[in-house]
Amino acid sequence: MGPLYGTAALHSYESNEVMTRPLLPSQATDSMGSGGGPYSQLTHPELVSLVIKQQGQLSEKDSKIRELEVYIDNLLVRIIEEQPSILLSMSMAKKAV
């Protein structure tokens, strides 16, 4: 086995994780030189599984973003109800600059 050059991404169905394996120089130039990329060594089922995993992660992030937006909205409502002068003073400071 020759010197290693780069890695290829592999998806494990059992652990639902993406692992990497070393590439030989010939494999690295083949996959990168022909328009391949980091996923060119993956099979179709591995790619599908990776996309499904990434969709789940994206959905989780979207959910967290929505939660934060609701929190900020509620916080602003409370500020407006209890201490609107805080927002007014910030607004005046921006106009002065």
PDB file of N, CA and C in Angstrom:
ATOM      1  N   MET A   1       0.843  -1.178   0.000  1.00  0.00           N
ATOM      2  CA  MET A   1       0.000   0.000   0.000  1.00  0.00           C
ATOM      3  C   MET A   1       0.883   1.234   0.000  1.00  0.00           C
ATOM      4  N   GLY A   2       0.596   2.178  -0.881  1.00  0.00           N
ATOM      5  CA  GLY A   2       1.406   3.383  -1.022  1.00  0.00           C
ATOM      6  C   GLY A   2       1.036   4.429   0.002  1.00  0.00           C
ATOM      7  N   PRO A   3       1.603   5.631  -0.147  1.00  0.00           N
ATOM      8  CA  PRO A   3       1.265   6.713   0.778  1.00  0.00           C
ATOM      9  C   PRO A   3      -0.191   7.110   0.639  1.00  0.00           C
ATOM     10  N   LEU A   4      -0.762   7.588   1.728  1.00  0.00           N
ATOM     11  CA  LEU A   4      -2.167   7.959   1.736  1.00  0.00           C
ATOM     12  C   LEU A   4      -2.325   9.405   1.298  1.00  0.00           C
ATOM     13  N   TYR A   5      -3.444   9.682   0.608  1.00  0.00           N
ATOM     14  CA  TYR A   5      -3.704  11.032   0.124  1.00  0.00           C
ATOM     15  C   TYR A   5      -5.175  11.350   0.293  1.00  0.00           C
ATOM     16  N   GLY A   6      -5.518  12.121   1.314  1.00  0.00           N
ATOM     17  CA  GLY A   6      -6.907  12.515   1.512  1.00  0.00           C
ATOM     18  C   GLY A   6      -7.731  11.403   2.129  1.00  0.00           C
ATOM     19  N   THR A   7      -9.038  11.638   2.163  1.00  0.00           N
ATOM     20  CA  THR A   7      -9.961  10.660   2.722  1.00  0.00           C
ATOM     21  C   THR A   7     -11.223  10.619   1.885  1.00  0.00           C
ATOM     22  N   ALA A   8     -11.935   9.527   2.000  1.00  0.00           N
ATOM     23  CA  ALA A   8     -13.243   9.394   1.354  1.00  0.00           C
ATOM     24  C   ALA A   8     -14.288   9.246   2.445  1.00  0.00           C
ATOM     25  N   ALA A   9     -15.420   9.880   2.264  1.00  0.00           N
ATOM     26  CA  ALA A   9     -16.492   9.796   3.262  1.00  0.00           C
ATOM     27  C   ALA A   9     -17.279   8.521   3.040  1.00  0.00           C
ATOM     28  N   LEU A  10     -17.561   7.827   4.124  1.00  0.00           N
ATOM     29  CA  LEU A  10     -18.373   6.615   4.084  1.00  0.00           C
ATOM     30  C   LEU A  10     -19.444   6.730   5.150  1.00  0.00           C
ATOM     31  N   HIS A  11     -20.632   6.288   4.833  1.00  0.00           N
ATOM     32  CA  HIS A  11     -21.729   6.362   5.796  1.00  0.00           C
ATOM     33  C   HIS A  11     -21.988   4.981   6.348  1.00  0.00           C
ATOM     34  N   SER A  12     -22.065   4.880   7.672  1.00  0.00           N
ATOM     35  CA  SER A  12     -22.346   3.623   8.341  1.00  0.00           C
ATOM     36  C   SER A  12     -23.839   3.547   8.645  1.00  0.00           C
ATOM     37  N   TYR A  13     -24.500   2.521   8.118  1.00  0.00           N
ATOM     38  CA  TYR A  13     -25.937   2.368   8.343  1.00  0.00           C
ATOM     39  C   TYR A  13     -26.229   1.992   9.792  1.00  0.00           C
ATOM     40  N   GLU A  14     -25.332   1.189  10.401  1.00  0.00           N
ATOM     41  CA  GLU A  14     -25.566   0.724  11.761  1.00  0.00           C
ATOM     42  C   GLU A  14     -25.561   1.885  12.755  1.00  0.00           C
ATOM     43  N   SER A  15     -24.541   2.762  12.656  1.00  0.00           N
ATOM     44  CA  SER A  15     -24.413   3.837  13.643  1.00  0.00           C
ATOM     45  C   SER A  15     -24.933   5.167  13.118  1.00  0.00           C
ATOM     46  N   ASN A  16     -25.350   5.213  11.845  1.00  0.00           N
ATOM     47  CA  ASN A  16     -25.859   6.426  11.217  1.00  0.00           C
ATOM     48  C   ASN A  16     -24.846   7.567  11.306  1.00  0.00           C
ATOM     49  N   GLU A  17     -23.549   7.228  11.131  1.00  0.00           N
ATOM     50  CA  GLU A  17     -22.499   8.223  11.163  1.00  0.00           C
ATOM     51  C   GLU A  17     -21.723   8.186   9.856  1.00  0.00           C
ATOM     52  N   VAL A  18     -21.148   9.319   9.526  1.00  0.00           N
ATOM     53  CA  VAL A  18     -20.284   9.376   8.359  1.00  0.00           C
ATOM     54  C   VAL A  18     -18.856   9.161   8.827  1.00  0.00           C
ATOM     55  N   MET A  19     -18.197   8.179   8.249  1.00  0.00           N
ATOM     56  CA  MET A  19     -16.814   7.885   8.598  1.00  0.00           C
ATOM     57  C   MET A  19     -15.945   8.239   7.401  1.00  0.00           C
ATOM     58  N   THR A  20     -14.653   8.321   7.617  1.00  0.00           N
ATOM     59  CA  THR A  20     -13.745   8.562   6.504  1.00  0.00           C
ATOM     60  C   THR A  20     -12.788   7.394   6.399  1.00  0.00           C
ATOM     61  N   ARG A  21     -12.331   7.161   5.183  1.00  0.00           N
ATOM     62  CA  ARG A  21     -11.309   6.142   4.977  1.00  0.00           C
ATOM     63  C   ARG A  21     -10.211   6.768   4.127  1.00  0.00           C
ATOM     64  N   PRO A  22      -8.970   6.340   4.317  1.00  0.00           N
ATOM     65  CA  PRO A  22      -7.867   6.937   3.569  1.00  0.00           C
ATOM     66  C   PRO A  22      -7.946   6.597   2.083  1.00  0.00           C
ATOM     67  N   LEU A  23      -7.478   7.532   1.270  1.00  0.00           N
ATOM     68  CA  LEU A  23      -7.401   7.324  -0.170  1.00  0.00           C
ATOM     69  C   LEU A  23      -5.950   7.197  -0.592  1.00  0.00           C
ATOM     70  N   LEU A  24      -5.700   6.370  -1.569  1.00  0.00           N
ATOM     71  CA  LEU A  24      -4.388   6.310  -2.199  1.00  0.00           C
ATOM     72  C   LEU A  24      -4.291   7.466  -3.182  1.00  0.00           C
ATOM     73  N   PRO A  25      -3.074   7.888  -3.558  1.00  0.00           N
ATOM     74  CA  PRO A  25      -2.955   9.012  -4.491  1.00  0.00           C
ATOM     75  C   PRO A  25      -3.746   8.809  -5.783  1.00  0.00           C
ATOM     76  N   SER A  26      -3.768   7.605  -6.321  1.00  0.00           N
ATOM     77  CA  SER A  26      -4.500   7.368  -7.569  1.00  0.00           C
ATOM     78  C   SER A  26      -6.001   7.537  -7.370  1.00  0.00           C
ATOM     79  N   GLN A  27      -6.522   7.125  -6.229  1.00  0.00           N
ATOM     80  CA  GLN A  27      -7.941   7.291  -5.946  1.00  0.00           C
ATOM     81  C   GLN A  27      -8.285   8.760  -5.767  1.00  0.00           C
ATOM     82  N   ALA A  28      -7.414   9.491  -5.102  1.00  0.00           N
ATOM     83  CA  ALA A  28      -7.681  10.904  -4.836  1.00  0.00           C
ATOM     84  C   ALA A  28      -7.695  11.698  -6.130  1.00  0.00           C
ATOM     85  N   THR A  29      -6.746  11.453  -7.024  1.00  0.00           N
ATOM     86  CA  THR A  29      -6.728  12.213  -8.271  1.00  0.00           C
ATOM     87  C   THR A  29      -7.856  11.785  -9.180  1.00  0.00           C
ATOM     88  N   ASP A  30      -8.224  10.491  -9.146  1.00  0.00           N
ATOM     89  CA  ASP A  30      -9.344  10.036  -9.967  1.00  0.00           C
ATOM     90  C   ASP A  30     -10.637  10.723  -9.552  1.00  0.00           C
ATOM     91  N   SER A  31     -10.910  10.755  -8.248  1.00  0.00           N
ATOM     92  CA  SER A  31     -12.186  11.289  -7.789  1.00  0.00           C
ATOM     93  C   SER A  31     -12.229  12.798  -7.884  1.00  0.00           C
ATOM     94  N   MET A  32     -11.104  13.477  -7.663  1.00  0.00           N
ATOM     95  CA  MET A  32     -11.116  14.932  -7.696  1.00  0.00           C
ATOM     96  C   MET A  32     -10.889  15.467  -9.105  1.00  0.00           C
ATOM     97  N   GLY A  33     -10.107  14.774  -9.891  1.00  0.00           N
ATOM     98  CA  GLY A  33      -9.800  15.251 -11.226  1.00  0.00           C
ATOM     99  C   GLY A  33     -10.952  15.078 -12.198  1.00  0.00           C
ATOM    100  N   SER A  34     -11.821  14.135 -11.955  1.00  0.00           N
ATOM    101  CA  SER A  34     -12.916  13.867 -12.886  1.00  0.00           C
ATOM    102  C   SER A  34     -14.209  14.560 -12.462  1.00  0.00           C
ATOM    103  N   GLY A  35     -14.076  15.584 -11.644  1.00  0.00           N
ATOM    104  CA  GLY A  35     -15.275  16.295 -11.222  1.00  0.00           C
ATOM    105  C   GLY A  35     -15.961  15.631 -10.056  1.00  0.00           C
ATOM    106  N   GLY A  36     -15.338  14.592  -9.498  1.00  0.00           N
ATOM    107  CA  GLY A  36     -15.898  13.952  -8.319  1.00  0.00           C
ATOM    108  C   GLY A  36     -15.745  14.894  -7.146  1.00  0.00           C
ATOM    109  N   GLY A  37     -15.928  14.429  -6.012  1.00  0.00           N
ATOM    110  CA  GLY A  37     -15.775  15.252  -4.838  1.00  0.00           C
ATOM    111  C   GLY A  37     -15.717  14.383  -3.622  1.00  0.00           C
ATOM    112  N   PRO A  38     -15.956  14.961  -2.488  1.00  0.00           N
ATOM    113  CA  PRO A  38     -15.833  14.177  -1.265  1.00  0.00           C
ATOM    114  C   PRO A  38     -16.855  13.048  -1.168  1.00  0.00           C
ATOM    115  N   TYR A  39     -17.907  13.105  -1.956  1.00  0.00           N
ATOM    116  CA  TYR A  39     -18.942  12.080  -1.887  1.00  0.00           C
ATOM    117  C   TYR A  39     -18.901  11.104  -3.065  1.00  0.00           C
ATOM    118  N   SER A  40     -17.909  11.243  -3.906  1.00  0.00           N
ATOM    119  CA  SER A  40     -17.857  10.405  -5.102  1.00  0.00           C
ATOM    120  C   SER A  40     -17.601   8.936  -4.781  1.00  0.00           C
ATOM    121  N   GLN A  41     -17.074   8.641  -3.607  1.00  0.00           N
ATOM    122  CA  GLN A  41     -16.783   7.259  -3.230  1.00  0.00           C
ATOM    123  C   GLN A  41     -17.983   6.571  -2.569  1.00  0.00           C
ATOM    124  N   LEU A  42     -19.055   7.320  -2.330  1.00  0.00           N
ATOM    125  CA  LEU A  42     -20.219   6.746  -1.663  1.00  0.00           C
ATOM    126  C   LEU A  42     -21.151   6.075  -2.659  1.00  0.00           C
ATOM    127  N   THR A  43     -21.814   5.033  -2.202  1.00  0.00           N
ATOM    128  CA  THR A  43     -22.805   4.367  -3.041  1.00  0.00           C
ATOM    129  C   THR A  43     -24.111   5.156  -2.972  1.00  0.00           C
ATOM    130  N   HIS A  44     -25.031   4.834  -3.864  1.00  0.00           N
ATOM    131  CA  HIS A  44     -26.326   5.535  -3.884  1.00  0.00           C
ATOM    132  C   HIS A  44     -27.068   5.401  -2.551  1.00  0.00           C
ATOM    133  N   PRO A  45     -27.178   4.192  -1.981  1.00  0.00           N
ATOM    134  CA  PRO A  45     -27.873   4.084  -0.681  1.00  0.00           C
ATOM    135  C   PRO A  45     -27.173   4.889   0.421  1.00  0.00           C
ATOM    136  N   GLU A  46     -25.842   4.941   0.387  1.00  0.00           N
ATOM    137  CA  GLU A  46     -25.115   5.732   1.375  1.00  0.00           C
ATOM    138  C   GLU A  46     -25.415   7.218   1.205  1.00  0.00           C
ATOM    139  N   LEU A  47     -25.476   7.675  -0.041  1.00  0.00           N
ATOM    140  CA  LEU A  47     -25.801   9.073  -0.309  1.00  0.00           C
ATOM    141  C   LEU A  47     -27.217   9.410   0.147  1.00  0.00           C
ATOM    142  N   VAL A  48     -28.151   8.510  -0.138  1.00  0.00           N
ATOM    143  CA  VAL A  48     -29.543   8.730   0.274  1.00  0.00           C
ATOM    144  C   VAL A  48     -29.626   8.817   1.788  1.00  0.00           C
ATOM    145  N   SER A  49     -28.936   7.922   2.476  1.00  0.00           N
ATOM    146  CA  SER A  49     -28.937   7.931   3.932  1.00  0.00           C
ATOM    147  C   SER A  49     -28.320   9.223   4.471  1.00  0.00           C
ATOM    148  N   LEU A  50     -27.260   9.681   3.846  1.00  0.00           N
ATOM    149  CA  LEU A  50     -26.611  10.923   4.259  1.00  0.00           C
ATOM    150  C   LEU A  50     -27.544  12.116   4.059  1.00  0.00           C
ATOM    151  N   VAL A  51     -28.256  12.147   2.955  1.00  0.00           N
ATOM    152  CA  VAL A  51     -29.203  13.237   2.690  1.00  0.00           C
ATOM    153  C   VAL A  51     -30.328  13.222   3.721  1.00  0.00           C
ATOM    154  N   ILE A  52     -30.829  12.050   4.048  1.00  0.00           N
ATOM    155  CA  ILE A  52     -31.902  11.937   5.048  1.00  0.00           C
ATOM    156  C   ILE A  52     -31.414  12.443   6.396  1.00  0.00           C
ATOM    157  N   LYS A  53     -30.177  12.073   6.763  1.00  0.00           N
ATOM    158  CA  LYS A  53     -29.613  12.533   8.026  1.00  0.00           C
ATOM    159  C   LYS A  53     -29.481  14.055   8.023  1.00  0.00           C
ATOM    160  N   GLN A  54     -29.003  14.630   6.924  1.00  0.00           N
ATOM    161  CA  GLN A  54     -28.837  16.077   6.841  1.00  0.00           C
ATOM    162  C   GLN A  54     -30.180  16.793   6.849  1.00  0.00           C
ATOM    163  N   GLN A  55     -31.202  16.191   6.251  1.00  0.00           N
ATOM    164  CA  GLN A  55     -32.543  16.786   6.297  1.00  0.00           C
ATOM    165  C   GLN A  55     -33.049  16.824   7.735  1.00  0.00           C
ATOM    166  N   GLY A  56     -32.777  15.786   8.495  1.00  0.00           N
ATOM    167  CA  GLY A  56     -33.169  15.751   9.906  1.00  0.00           C
ATOM    168  C   GLY A  56     -32.456  16.831  10.698  1.00  0.00           C
ATOM    169  N   GLN A  57     -31.155  16.997  10.442  1.00  0.00           N
ATOM    170  CA  GLN A  57     -30.392  18.040  11.130  1.00  0.00           C
ATOM    171  C   GLN A  57     -30.912  19.421  10.765  1.00  0.00           C
ATOM    172  N   LEU A  58     -31.235  19.626   9.503  1.00  0.00           N
ATOM    173  CA  LEU A  58     -31.763  20.908   9.051  1.00  0.00           C
ATOM    174  C   LEU A  58     -33.119  21.187   9.692  1.00  0.00           C
ATOM    175  N   SER A  59     -33.938  20.164   9.797  1.00  0.00           N
ATOM    176  CA  SER A  59     -35.248  20.312  10.429  1.00  0.00           C
ATOM    177  C   SER A  59     -35.097  20.695  11.897  1.00  0.00           C
ATOM    178  N   GLU A  60     -34.129  20.078  12.593  1.00  0.00           N
ATOM    179  CA  GLU A  60     -33.874  20.417  13.994  1.00  0.00           C
ATOM    180  C   GLU A  60     -33.425  21.869  14.124  1.00  0.00           C
ATOM    181  N   LYS A  61     -32.544  22.313  13.238  1.00  0.00           N
ATOM    182  CA  LYS A  61     -32.068  23.694  13.277  1.00  0.00           C
ATOM    183  C   LYS A  61     -33.207  24.664  13.006  1.00  0.00           C
ATOM    184  N   ASP A  62     -34.066  24.341  12.040  1.00  0.00           N
ATOM    185  CA  ASP A  62     -35.221  25.200  11.750  1.00  0.00           C
ATOM    186  C   ASP A  62     -36.126  25.311  12.966  1.00  0.00           C
ATOM    187  N   SER A  63     -36.321  24.212  13.659  1.00  0.00           N
ATOM    188  CA  SER A  63     -37.160  24.206  14.855  1.00  0.00           C
ATOM    189  C   SER A  63     -36.552  25.088  15.945  1.00  0.00           C
ATOM    190  N   LYS A  64     -35.252  24.986  16.128  1.00  0.00           N
ATOM    191  CA  LYS A  64     -34.578  25.815  17.131  1.00  0.00           C
ATOM    192  C   LYS A  64     -34.672  27.294  16.760  1.00  0.00           C
ATOM    193  N   ILE A  65     -34.540  27.604  15.488  1.00  0.00           N
ATOM    194  CA  ILE A  65     -34.651  28.993  15.029  1.00  0.00           C
ATOM    195  C   ILE A  65     -36.041  29.535  15.323  1.00  0.00           C
ATOM    196  N   ARG A  66     -37.067  28.732  15.038  1.00  0.00           N
ATOM    197  CA  ARG A  66     -38.445  29.164  15.335  1.00  0.00           C
ATOM    198  C   ARG A  66     -38.637  29.407  16.830  1.00  0.00           C
ATOM    199  N   GLU A  67     -38.090  28.521  17.659  1.00  0.00           N
ATOM    200  CA  GLU A  67     -38.188  28.695  19.112  1.00  0.00           C
ATOM    201  C   GLU A  67     -37.526  30.002  19.545  1.00  0.00           C
ATOM    202  N   LEU A  68     -36.360  30.298  18.993  1.00  0.00           N
ATOM    203  CA  LEU A  68     -35.663  31.534  19.346  1.00  0.00           C
ATOM    204  C   LEU A  68     -36.424  32.766  18.871  1.00  0.00           C
ATOM    205  N   GLU A  69     -37.028  32.681  17.690  1.00  0.00           N
ATOM    206  CA  GLU A  69     -37.826  33.807  17.190  1.00  0.00           C
ATOM    207  C   GLU A  69     -39.008  34.082  18.113  1.00  0.00           C
ATOM    208  N   VAL A  70     -39.685  33.026  18.562  1.00  0.00           N
ATOM    209  CA  VAL A  70     -40.812  33.185  19.481  1.00  0.00           C
ATOM    210  C   VAL A  70     -40.324  33.784  20.797  1.00  0.00           C
ATOM    211  N   TYR A  71     -39.194  33.303  21.283  1.00  0.00           N
ATOM    212  CA  TYR A  71     -38.635  33.829  22.532  1.00  0.00           C
ATOM    213  C   TYR A  71     -38.334  35.323  22.399  1.00  0.00           C
ATOM    214  N   ILE A  72     -37.695  35.720  21.311  1.00  0.00           N
ATOM    215  CA  ILE A  72     -37.366  37.134  21.096  1.00  0.00           C
ATOM    216  C   ILE A  72     -38.630  37.963  20.968  1.00  0.00           C
ATOM    217  N   ASP A  73     -39.613  37.466  20.251  1.00  0.00           N
ATOM    218  CA  ASP A  73     -40.886  38.190  20.122  1.00  0.00           C
ATOM    219  C   ASP A  73     -41.532  38.405  21.494  1.00  0.00           C
ATOM    220  N   ASN A  74     -41.577  37.351  22.288  1.00  0.00           N
ATOM    221  CA  ASN A  74     -42.170  37.456  23.627  1.00  0.00           C
ATOM    222  C   ASN A  74     -41.375  38.411  24.514  1.00  0.00           C
ATOM    223  N   LEU A  75     -40.059  38.369  24.378  1.00  0.00           N
ATOM    224  CA  LEU A  75     -39.214  39.266  25.158  1.00  0.00           C
ATOM    225  C   LEU A  75     -39.465  40.723  24.776  1.00  0.00           C
ATOM    226  N   LEU A  76     -39.579  40.990  23.492  1.00  0.00           N
ATOM    227  CA  LEU A  76     -39.862  42.358  23.040  1.00  0.00           C
ATOM    228  C   LEU A  76     -41.237  42.830  23.517  1.00  0.00           C
ATOM    229  N   VAL A  77     -42.210  41.962  23.491  1.00  0.00           N
ATOM    230  CA  VAL A  77     -43.548  42.324  23.970  1.00  0.00           C
ATOM    231  C   VAL A  77     -43.478  42.701  25.448  1.00  0.00           C
ATOM    232  N   ARG A  78     -42.755  41.905  26.223  1.00  0.00           N
ATOM    233  CA  ARG A  78     -42.623  42.214  27.656  1.00  0.00           C
ATOM    234  C   ARG A  78     -41.916  43.547  27.865  1.00  0.00           C
ATOM    235  N   ILE A  79     -40.880  43.818  27.074  1.00  0.00           N
ATOM    236  CA  ILE A  79     -40.165  45.092  27.206  1.00  0.00           C
ATOM    237  C   ILE A  79     -41.089  46.252  26.848  1.00  0.00           C
ATOM    238  N   ILE A  80     -41.835  46.094  25.768  1.00  0.00           N
ATOM    239  CA  ILE A  80     -42.753  47.158  25.345  1.00  0.00           C
ATOM    240  C   ILE A  80     -43.807  47.409  26.416  1.00  0.00           C
ATOM    241  N   GLU A  81     -44.295  46.351  27.042  1.00  0.00           N
ATOM    242  CA  GLU A  81     -45.329  46.495  28.068  1.00  0.00           C
ATOM    243  C   GLU A  81     -44.777  47.082  29.373  1.00  0.00           C
ATOM    244  N   GLU A  82     -43.569  46.674  29.762  1.00  0.00           N
ATOM    245  CA  GLU A  82     -43.062  47.050  31.075  1.00  0.00           C
ATOM    246  C   GLU A  82     -42.075  48.212  31.067  1.00  0.00           C
ATOM    247  N   GLN A  83     -41.220  48.304  30.078  1.00  0.00           N
ATOM    248  CA  GLN A  83     -40.201  49.352  30.033  1.00  0.00           C
ATOM    249  C   GLN A  83     -39.955  49.833  28.608  1.00  0.00           C
ATOM    250  N   PRO A  84     -40.925  50.429  27.951  1.00  0.00           N
ATOM    251  CA  PRO A  84     -40.723  50.882  26.570  1.00  0.00           C
ATOM    252  C   PRO A  84     -39.633  51.946  26.462  1.00  0.00           C
ATOM    253  N   SER A  85     -39.326  52.606  27.562  1.00  0.00           N
ATOM    254  CA  SER A  85     -38.290  53.639  27.536  1.00  0.00           C
ATOM    255  C   SER A  85     -36.925  53.060  27.145  1.00  0.00           C
ATOM    256  N   ILE A  86     -36.719  51.776  27.425  1.00  0.00           N
ATOM    257  CA  ILE A  86     -35.459  51.130  27.031  1.00  0.00           C
ATOM    258  C   ILE A  86     -35.304  51.190  25.514  1.00  0.00           C
ATOM    259  N   LEU A  87     -36.354  50.842  24.802  1.00  0.00           N
ATOM    260  CA  LEU A  87     -36.294  50.856  23.339  1.00  0.00           C
ATOM    261  C   LEU A  87     -36.205  52.281  22.813  1.00  0.00           C
ATOM    262  N   LEU A  88     -36.909  53.212  23.454  1.00  0.00           N
ATOM    263  CA  LEU A  88     -36.866  54.605  23.019  1.00  0.00           C
ATOM    264  C   LEU A  88     -35.474  55.192  23.198  1.00  0.00           C
ATOM    265  N   SER A  89     -34.829  54.895  24.315  1.00  0.00           N
ATOM    266  CA  SER A  89     -33.498  55.431  24.545  1.00  0.00           C
ATOM    267  C   SER A  89     -32.493  54.869  23.544  1.00  0.00           C
ATOM    268  N   MET A  90     -32.647  53.619  23.165  1.00  0.00           N
ATOM    269  CA  MET A  90     -31.769  53.018  22.153  1.00  0.00           C
ATOM    270  C   MET A  90     -32.003  53.681  20.803  1.00  0.00           C
ATOM    271  N   SER A  91     -33.245  53.964  20.488  1.00  0.00           N
ATOM    272  CA  SER A  91     -33.599  54.616  19.238  1.00  0.00           C
ATOM    273  C   SER A  91     -33.018  56.029  19.176  1.00  0.00           C
ATOM    274  N   MET A  92     -33.096  56.757  20.289  1.00  0.00           N
ATOM    275  CA  MET A  92     -32.555  58.117  20.344  1.00  0.00           C
ATOM    276  C   MET A  92     -31.034  58.116  20.217  1.00  0.00           C
ATOM    277  N   ALA A  93     -30.397  57.124  20.809  1.00  0.00           N
ATOM    278  CA  ALA A  93     -28.935  57.046  20.743  1.00  0.00           C
ATOM    279  C   ALA A  93     -28.475  56.823  19.302  1.00  0.00           C
ATOM    280  N   LYS A  94     -29.210  56.021  18.538  1.00  0.00           N
ATOM    281  CA  LYS A  94     -28.853  55.782  17.137  1.00  0.00           C
ATOM    282  C   LYS A  94     -29.006  57.053  16.309  1.00  0.00           C
ATOM    283  N   LYS A  95     -30.048  57.822  16.572  1.00  0.00           N
ATOM    284  CA  LYS A  95     -30.286  59.056  15.830  1.00  0.00           C
ATOM    285  C   LYS A  95     -29.212  60.087  16.132  1.00  0.00           C
ATOM    286  N   ALA A  96     -28.690  60.098  17.348  1.00  0.00           N
ATOM    287  CA  ALA A  96     -27.669  61.055  17.739  1.00  0.00           C
ATOM    288  C   ALA A  96     -26.339  60.766  17.054  1.00  0.00           C
ATOM    289  N   VAL A  97     -26.092  59.524  16.696  1.00  0.00           N
ATOM    290  CA  VAL A  97     -24.824  59.151  16.070  1.00  0.00           C
ATOM    291  C   VAL A  97     -24.848  59.418  14.634  1.00  0.00           C
TER     292      VAL A  97
END
